[in-house]
């Protein structure tokens, strides 16, 4: 079984800042954005390719780039 790719950074989505405009979801072609059980947008880290399209598309600044720790 192939080892899961390790990324130097990830993206997080702050539900408080999110306007639920769906800009991030429309930009993501990898099914990395979904609506969670709290009916809020969220990021699926397993599907996210770290392309940054959602980060650049978000007009509210709700998506942040964070460095992963080893």
C-alpha atoms as a PDB file:
ATOM      1  CA  UNK A   1       0.000   0.000   0.000  1.00  0.00           C
ATOM      2  CA  UNK A   2       1.358   3.438  -0.956  1.00  0.00           C
ATOM      3  CA  UNK A   3       2.214   5.821   1.830  1.00  0.00           C
ATOM      4  CA  UNK A   4       0.017   8.888   2.057  1.00  0.00           C
ATOM      5  CA  UNK A   5       1.667  12.050   0.693  1.00  0.00           C
ATOM      6  CA  UNK A   6       2.853  14.458   3.377  1.00  0.00           C
ATOM      7  CA  UNK A   7       2.344  18.143   2.692  1.00  0.00           C
ATOM      8  CA  UNK A   8       4.329  21.021   4.194  1.00  0.00           C
ATOM      9  CA  UNK A   9       1.144  23.044   4.613  1.00  0.00           C
ATOM     10  CA  UNK A  10      -2.629  22.679   4.712  1.00  0.00           C
ATOM     11  CA  UNK A  11      -5.637  24.936   4.448  1.00  0.00           C
ATOM     12  CA  UNK A  12      -8.194  25.508   7.189  1.00  0.00           C
ATOM     13  CA  UNK A  13     -11.623  27.081   6.915  1.00  0.00           C
ATOM     14  CA  UNK A  14     -12.925  29.330   9.700  1.00  0.00           C
ATOM     15  CA  UNK A  15     -16.720  28.835   9.895  1.00  0.00           C
ATOM     16  CA  UNK A  16     -17.138  32.163  11.718  1.00  0.00           C
ATOM     17  CA  UNK A  17     -15.656  34.133   8.805  1.00  0.00           C
ATOM     18  CA  UNK A  18     -17.285  31.970   6.107  1.00  0.00           C
ATOM     19  CA  UNK A  19     -20.146  33.689   4.237  1.00  0.00           C
ATOM     20  CA  UNK A  20     -21.326  30.382   2.657  1.00  0.00           C
ATOM     21  CA  UNK A  21     -20.983  31.954  -0.795  1.00  0.00           C
ATOM     22  CA  UNK A  22     -19.690  28.664  -2.305  1.00  0.00           C
ATOM     23  CA  UNK A  23     -16.798  30.383  -4.138  1.00  0.00           C
ATOM     24  CA  UNK A  24     -14.332  27.884  -2.677  1.00  0.00           C
ATOM     25  CA  UNK A  25     -16.508  24.894  -3.543  1.00  0.00           C
ATOM     26  CA  UNK A  26     -16.914  26.080  -7.141  1.00  0.00           C
ATOM     27  CA  UNK A  27     -13.135  26.483  -7.544  1.00  0.00           C
ATOM     28  CA  UNK A  28     -12.220  23.095  -6.067  1.00  0.00           C
ATOM     29  CA  UNK A  29     -12.048  20.339  -8.664  1.00  0.00           C
ATOM     30  CA  UNK A  30     -10.812  17.688  -6.187  1.00  0.00           C
ATOM     31  CA  UNK A  31     -13.848  17.411  -3.862  1.00  0.00           C
ATOM     32  CA  UNK A  32     -11.790  19.086  -1.145  1.00  0.00           C
ATOM     33  CA  UNK A  33     -14.639  21.366  -0.020  1.00  0.00           C
ATOM     34  CA  UNK A  34     -17.807  19.920   1.492  1.00  0.00           C
ATOM     35  CA  UNK A  35     -20.689  20.841   3.779  1.00  0.00           C
ATOM     36  CA  UNK A  36     -20.191  19.212   7.180  1.00  0.00           C
ATOM     37  CA  UNK A  37     -22.700  17.968   9.773  1.00  0.00           C
ATOM     38  CA  UNK A  38     -23.021  21.513  11.149  1.00  0.00           C
ATOM     39  CA  UNK A  39     -24.227  22.680   7.706  1.00  0.00           C
ATOM     40  CA  UNK A  40     -21.057  24.728   7.231  1.00  0.00           C
ATOM     41  CA  UNK A  41     -18.376  24.570   4.573  1.00  0.00           C
ATOM     42  CA  UNK A  42     -15.274  22.603   5.511  1.00  0.00           C
ATOM     43  CA  UNK A  43     -12.106  21.194   3.916  1.00  0.00           C
ATOM     44  CA  UNK A  44     -11.557  17.477   3.351  1.00  0.00           C
ATOM     45  CA  UNK A  45      -7.793  17.193   3.917  1.00  0.00           C
ATOM     46  CA  UNK A  46      -7.714  13.732   2.344  1.00  0.00           C
ATOM     47  CA  UNK A  47      -8.953  15.075  -1.007  1.00  0.00           C
ATOM     48  CA  UNK A  48      -7.218  18.474  -0.865  1.00  0.00           C
ATOM     49  CA  UNK A  49      -4.263  18.739  -3.283  1.00  0.00           C
ATOM     50  CA  UNK A  50      -3.061  22.047  -1.726  1.00  0.00           C
ATOM     51  CA  UNK A  51      -3.530  23.904  -5.030  1.00  0.00           C
ATOM     52  CA  UNK A  52      -4.718  27.069  -3.235  1.00  0.00           C
ATOM     53  CA  UNK A  53      -7.648  27.813  -5.561  1.00  0.00           C
ATOM     54  CA  UNK A  54     -10.109  27.893  -2.648  1.00  0.00           C
ATOM     55  CA  UNK A  55      -7.774  30.164  -0.670  1.00  0.00           C
ATOM     56  CA  UNK A  56      -7.549  32.648  -3.548  1.00  0.00           C
ATOM     57  CA  UNK A  57     -11.290  32.474  -4.302  1.00  0.00           C
ATOM     58  CA  UNK A  58     -12.532  33.202  -0.770  1.00  0.00           C
ATOM     59  CA  UNK A  59     -13.759  36.838  -0.588  1.00  0.00           C
ATOM     60  CA  UNK A  60     -14.114  36.700   3.205  1.00  0.00           C
ATOM     61  CA  UNK A  61     -10.621  35.495   4.079  1.00  0.00           C
ATOM     62  CA  UNK A  62     -12.120  32.455   5.809  1.00  0.00           C
ATOM     63  CA  UNK A  63      -9.522  30.062   4.382  1.00  0.00           C
ATOM     64  CA  UNK A  64      -6.038  30.201   5.875  1.00  0.00           C
ATOM     65  CA  UNK A  65      -2.798  28.485   4.874  1.00  0.00           C
ATOM     66  CA  UNK A  66      -1.149  26.807   7.859  1.00  0.00           C
ATOM     67  CA  UNK A  67       2.212  25.083   8.156  1.00  0.00           C
ATOM     68  CA  UNK A  68       2.064  21.407   9.101  1.00  0.00           C
ATOM     69  CA  UNK A  69       4.259  20.274  11.961  1.00  0.00           C
ATOM     70  CA  UNK A  70       6.230  17.066  11.575  1.00  0.00           C
END
